[in-house]
C-alpha atoms as a PDB file:
ATOM      1  CA  MET A   1      14.887  18.602  -3.556  1.00  0.00           C
ATOM      2  CA  ARG A   2      11.428  19.473  -4.864  1.00  0.00           C
ATOM      3  CA  ILE A   3      10.056  18.064  -8.080  1.00  0.00           C
ATOM      4  CA  ASP A   4       7.385  19.607 -10.294  1.00  0.00           C
ATOM      5  CA  GLN A   5       5.206  16.710 -11.411  1.00  0.00           C
ATOM      6  CA  GLY A   6       3.928  18.601 -14.438  1.00  0.00           C
ATOM      7  CA  ILE A   7       0.388  19.155 -13.180  1.00  0.00           C
ATOM      8  CA  GLY A   8       1.051  22.067 -10.889  1.00  0.00           C
ATOM      9  CA  VAL A   9       1.775  19.795  -7.915  1.00  0.00           C
ATOM     10  CA  VAL A  10       5.176  20.102  -6.299  1.00  0.00           C
ATOM     11  CA  SER A  11       6.216  17.218  -4.067  1.00  0.00           C
ATOM     12  CA  ASP A  12       9.076  16.850  -1.663  1.00  0.00           C
ATOM     13  CA  ARG A  13      11.427  14.108  -2.838  1.00  0.00           C
ATOM     14  CA  TRP A  14      12.662  13.359   0.705  1.00  0.00           C
ATOM     15  CA  PHE A  15       9.127  12.898   2.057  1.00  0.00           C
ATOM     16  CA  ASN A  16       8.341  10.600  -0.870  1.00  0.00           C
ATOM     17  CA  ALA A  17      11.512   8.584  -0.187  1.00  0.00           C
ATOM     18  CA  ILE A  18      10.483   8.107   3.458  1.00  0.00           C
ATOM     19  CA  GLN A  19       7.023   6.999   2.341  1.00  0.00           C
ATOM     20  CA  ALA A  20       8.586   4.567  -0.162  1.00  0.00           C
ATOM     21  CA  GLY A  21      11.005   3.082   2.378  1.00  0.00           C
ATOM     22  CA  THR A  22      14.077   4.317   0.470  1.00  0.00           C
ATOM     23  CA  ALA A  23      15.298   7.024   2.918  1.00  0.00           C
ATOM     24  CA  PHE A  24      18.033   6.137   5.415  1.00  0.00           C
ATOM     25  CA  SER A  25      20.236   7.619   8.113  1.00  0.00           C
ATOM     26  CA  HIS A  26      23.161   6.498  10.210  1.00  0.00           C
ATOM     27  CA  ALA A  27      25.704   7.997  12.585  1.00  0.00           C
ATOM     28  CA  SER A  28      29.197   6.590  13.047  1.00  0.00           C
ATOM     29  CA  ASN A  29      31.929   7.526  15.511  1.00  0.00           C
ATOM     30  CA  SER A  30      35.633   7.023  14.781  1.00  0.00           C
ATOM     31  CA  PHE A  31      37.453   7.151  18.117  1.00  0.00           C
ATOM     32  CA  ALA A  32      40.531   9.283  18.743  1.00  0.00           C
ATOM     33  CA  HIS A  33      43.950   7.745  18.149  1.00  0.00           C
ATOM     34  CA  ALA A  34      47.108   9.421  19.448  1.00  0.00           C
ATOM     35  CA  THR A  35      49.045   9.372  16.159  1.00  0.00           C
ATOM     36  CA  ASN A  36      46.377   8.779  13.486  1.00  0.00           C
ATOM     37  CA  LEU A  37      43.551  10.659  11.799  1.00  0.00           C
ATOM     38  CA  SER A  38      39.973   9.468  12.342  1.00  0.00           C
ATOM     39  CA  PHE A  39      37.527   9.090   9.464  1.00  0.00           C
ATOM     40  CA  VAL A  40      34.223   7.599   8.308  1.00  0.00           C
ATOM     41  CA  GLN A  41      33.628   5.846   4.999  1.00  0.00           C
ATOM     42  CA  PHE A  42      30.247   5.767   3.298  1.00  0.00           C
ATOM     43  CA  LEU A  43      30.167   2.966   0.706  1.00  0.00           C
ATOM     44  CA  ASN A  44      27.646   1.858  -1.904  1.00  0.00           C
ATOM     45  CA  PRO A  45      28.720  -1.779  -2.465  1.00  0.00           C
ATOM     46  CA  SER A  46      29.149  -2.981  -6.048  1.00  0.00           C
ATOM     47  CA  THR A  47      26.380  -5.558  -5.515  1.00  0.00           C
ATOM     48  CA  SER A  48      23.831  -3.081  -4.115  1.00  0.00           C
ATOM     49  CA  GLY A  49      21.752  -2.560  -7.256  1.00  0.00           C
ATOM     50  CA  VAL A  50      20.988   1.027  -6.177  1.00  0.00           C
ATOM     51  CA  PHE A  51      22.099   4.576  -6.784  1.00  0.00           C
ATOM     52  CA  VAL A  52      22.703   6.526  -3.572  1.00  0.00           C
ATOM     53  CA  TYR A  53      21.861  10.216  -3.269  1.00  0.00           C
ATOM     54  CA  ILE A  54      23.479  11.812  -0.211  1.00  0.00           C
ATOM     55  CA  LYS A  55      21.109  14.396   1.233  1.00  0.00           C
ATOM     56  CA  GLU A  56      22.842  15.597   4.393  1.00  0.00           C
ATOM     57  CA  VAL A  57      26.117  15.171   6.290  1.00  0.00           C
ATOM     58  CA  ILE A  58      26.704  16.604   9.752  1.00  0.00           C
ATOM     59  CA  ILE A  59      30.127  16.107  11.314  1.00  0.00           C
ATOM     60  CA  ASP A  60      31.452  16.649  14.799  1.00  0.00           C
ATOM     61  CA  MET A  61      35.040  16.453  16.080  1.00  0.00           C
ATOM     62  CA  THR A  62      36.500  16.751  19.553  1.00  0.00           C
ATOM     63  CA  LEU A  63      39.234  19.119  18.285  1.00  0.00           C
ATOM     64  CA  PRO A  64      39.055  21.940  15.721  1.00  0.00           C
ATOM     65  CA  SER A  65      40.422  20.751  12.381  1.00  0.00           C
ATOM     66  CA  THR A  66      40.161  20.862   8.621  1.00  0.00           C
ATOM     67  CA  VAL A  67      37.623  18.439   7.135  1.00  0.00           C
ATOM     68  CA  SER A  68      38.227  16.474   3.953  1.00  0.00           C
ATOM     69  CA  ILE A  69      35.859  14.726   1.587  1.00  0.00           C
ATOM     70  CA  LYS A  70      37.611  12.077  -0.498  1.00  0.00           C
ATOM     71  CA  ARG A  71      36.556   9.507  -3.056  1.00  0.00           C
ATOM     72  CA  HIS A  72      37.542   6.004  -1.976  1.00  0.00           C
ATOM     73  CA  ASP A  73      35.811   3.006  -3.562  1.00  0.00           C
ATOM     74  CA  THR A  74      37.583   0.206  -1.673  1.00  0.00           C
ATOM     75  CA  PRO A  75      36.145  -0.929   1.679  1.00  0.00           C
ATOM     76  CA  ILE A  76      38.476   0.188   4.476  1.00  0.00           C
ATOM     77  CA  GLY A  77      38.251  -3.132   6.287  1.00  0.00           C
ATOM     78  CA  GLY A  78      36.155  -2.234   9.306  1.00  0.00           C
ATOM     79  CA  ILE A  79      32.708  -3.375  10.347  1.00  0.00           C
ATOM     80  CA  GLN A  80      30.271  -2.284   7.658  1.00  0.00           C
ATOM     81  CA  LEU A  81      27.031  -1.059   9.236  1.00  0.00           C
ATOM     82  CA  PRO A  82      23.896  -0.420   7.160  1.00  0.00           C
ATOM     83  CA  GLY A  83      21.753   2.664   7.536  1.00  0.00           C
ATOM     84  CA  PHE A  84      18.445   2.659   9.351  1.00  0.00           C
ATOM     85  CA  ASN A  85      15.324   2.929   7.233  1.00  0.00           C
ATOM     86  CA  LEU A  86      13.334   6.023   8.180  1.00  0.00           C
ATOM     87  CA  TRP A  87      10.178   3.980   7.643  1.00  0.00           C
ATOM     88  CA  PHE A  88      10.929   1.829  10.668  1.00  0.00           C
ATOM     89  CA  ASP A  89       9.248  -1.392   9.478  1.00  0.00           C
ATOM     90  CA  GLN A  90      11.248  -1.542   6.255  1.00  0.00           C
ATOM     91  CA  PRO A  91      14.666  -3.189   5.587  1.00  0.00           C
ATOM     92  CA  ASP A  92      17.981  -1.487   6.350  1.00  0.00           C
ATOM     93  CA  SER A  93      19.998   0.162   3.582  1.00  0.00           C
ATOM     94  CA  LYS A  94      22.163  -1.618   1.041  1.00  0.00           C
ATOM     95  CA  SER A  95      24.900   0.995   1.496  1.00  0.00           C
ATOM     96  CA  THR A  96      27.085   1.007   4.603  1.00  0.00           C
ATOM     97  CA  MET A  97      29.187   3.157   6.894  1.00  0.00           C
ATOM     98  CA  GLU A  98      32.389   2.166   8.657  1.00  0.00           C
ATOM     99  CA  THR A  99      35.088   3.932  10.651  1.00  0.00           C
ATOM    100  CA  SER A 100      38.861   3.740  10.883  1.00  0.00           C
ATOM    101  CA  ASN A 101      42.096   5.527  11.807  1.00  0.00           C
ATOM    102  CA  ALA A 102      45.209   5.957   9.668  1.00  0.00           C
ATOM    103  CA  ALA A 103      48.323   8.102   9.434  1.00  0.00           C
ATOM    104  CA  SER A 104      46.743   9.815   6.417  1.00  0.00           C
ATOM    105  CA  LEU A 105      43.261   9.834   4.933  1.00  0.00           C
ATOM    106  CA  PRO A 106      42.863   7.370   2.053  1.00  0.00           C
ATOM    107  CA  GLY A 107      41.327   8.325  -1.259  1.00  0.00           C
ATOM    108  CA  THR A 108      41.355  11.116  -3.819  1.00  0.00           C
ATOM    109  CA  THR A 109      40.528  14.544  -2.424  1.00  0.00           C
ATOM    110  CA  ILE A 110      37.276  16.101  -3.609  1.00  0.00           C
ATOM    111  CA  VAL A 111      37.418  19.063  -1.232  1.00  0.00           C
ATOM    112  CA  THR A 112      39.086  20.113   2.012  1.00  0.00           C
ATOM    113  CA  ALA A 113      37.305  22.679   4.157  1.00  0.00           C
ATOM    114  CA  ARG A 114      39.270  25.324   6.034  1.00  0.00           C
ATOM    115  CA  ALA A 115      40.298  24.810   9.640  1.00  0.00           C
ATOM    116  CA  LEU A 116      37.300  25.110  11.894  1.00  0.00           C
ATOM    117  CA  THR A 117      37.271  26.926  15.200  1.00  0.00           C
ATOM    118  CA  ASP A 118      33.984  25.191  16.024  1.00  0.00           C
ATOM    119  CA  PRO A 119      34.377  21.434  15.521  1.00  0.00           C
ATOM    120  CA  ASN A 120      30.692  20.981  14.598  1.00  0.00           C
ATOM    121  CA  LEU A 121      29.728  21.439  10.948  1.00  0.00           C
ATOM    122  CA  LYS A 122      26.810  20.768   8.655  1.00  0.00           C
ATOM    123  CA  LEU A 123      28.996  19.729   5.752  1.00  0.00           C
ATOM    124  CA  ILE A 124      26.290  18.935   3.203  1.00  0.00           C
ATOM    125  CA  SER A 125      22.827  20.357   3.593  1.00  0.00           C
ATOM    126  CA  ASP A 126      20.923  19.454   0.446  1.00  0.00           C
ATOM    127  CA  TRP A 127      21.664  16.757  -2.135  1.00  0.00           C
ATOM    128  CA  ALA A 128      25.374  16.838  -2.889  1.00  0.00           C
ATOM    129  CA  TYR A 129      26.523  13.473  -4.267  1.00  0.00           C
ATOM    130  CA  ARG A 130      25.251  10.498  -6.250  1.00  0.00           C
ATOM    131  CA  LEU A 131      27.157   7.271  -5.692  1.00  0.00           C
ATOM    132  CA  GLU A 132      26.811   4.456  -8.190  1.00  0.00           C
ATOM    133  CA  PRO A 133      27.279   0.833  -7.084  1.00  0.00           C
ATOM    134  CA  GLY A 134      30.906   0.232  -6.133  1.00  0.00           C
ATOM    135  CA  HIS A 135      31.623   3.840  -5.166  1.00  0.00           C
ATOM    136  CA  GLY A 136      32.517   5.266  -1.780  1.00  0.00           C
ATOM    137  CA  ILE A 137      33.290   8.518  -0.070  1.00  0.00           C
ATOM    138  CA  ILE A 138      35.436   9.331   2.984  1.00  0.00           C
ATOM    139  CA  PHE A 139      34.773  12.107   5.493  1.00  0.00           C
ATOM    140  CA  GLY A 140      37.714  12.800   7.796  1.00  0.00           C
ATOM    141  CA  GLY A 141      39.452  15.273  10.054  1.00  0.00           C
ATOM    142  CA  GLY A 142      42.928  16.693   9.650  1.00  0.00           C
ATOM    143  CA  VAL A 143      44.274  16.405  13.200  1.00  0.00           C
ATOM    144  CA  SER A 144      45.285  13.312  15.174  1.00  0.00           C
ATOM    145  CA  ASN A 145      43.932  12.380  18.602  1.00  0.00           C
ATOM    146  CA  SER A 146      40.438  13.664  17.773  1.00  0.00           C
ATOM    147  CA  GLU A 147      37.198  11.729  17.557  1.00  0.00           C
ATOM    148  CA  PHE A 148      35.356  12.145  14.270  1.00  0.00           C
ATOM    149  CA  ARG A 149      31.605  11.618  14.110  1.00  0.00           C
ATOM    150  CA  ALA A 150      29.428  11.736  11.017  1.00  0.00           C
ATOM    151  CA  PHE A 151      25.647  11.685  10.679  1.00  0.00           C
ATOM    152  CA  ILE A 152      24.509  10.992   7.124  1.00  0.00           C
ATOM    153  CA  GLN A 153      21.074  10.900   5.508  1.00  0.00           C
ATOM    154  CA  TRP A 154      20.583   9.454   2.050  1.00  0.00           C
ATOM    155  CA  MET A 155      18.158   7.958  -0.412  1.00  0.00           C
ATOM    156  CA  GLU A 156      18.552   4.751  -2.427  1.00  0.00           C
ATOM    157  CA  VAL A 157      16.987   4.338  -5.877  1.00  0.00           C
ATOM    158  CA  PRO A 158      17.092   1.098  -7.925  1.00  0.00           C
ATOM    159  CA  VAL A 159      19.584   1.155 -10.798  1.00  0.00           C
END
């Protein structure tokens, strides 16, 4: 996302976020389970005090499958891992990622992509979602016994 600052100077918002210590990334791997679907939840906790802007999502699965994006605001009960600050000396993110398996993907469907013959996909490539505190999003595959990996980059801005 590029922003015109009104004086003929265009700056790159992502570069500015890195410089400000508000740009993050994380990769999570949900292992294959014989009878369940694997998925990753990205959650902006209700106590975070930040808005989250998701910049990029790259997914990878061990088997070709459909991919779903679902809204799910409740933590799924796994280990919540923060994102790494892209300015390495700054604190980790307030938002978290966690993985799980279930017979069906939780949440309300936003979109389901068609079945993929190549299980690698750049799902979001430039600024797709804003999550307010207390909101979460699930990325998951549509076939059991397949690992599901997600790499996400995002920016956090104080409320």
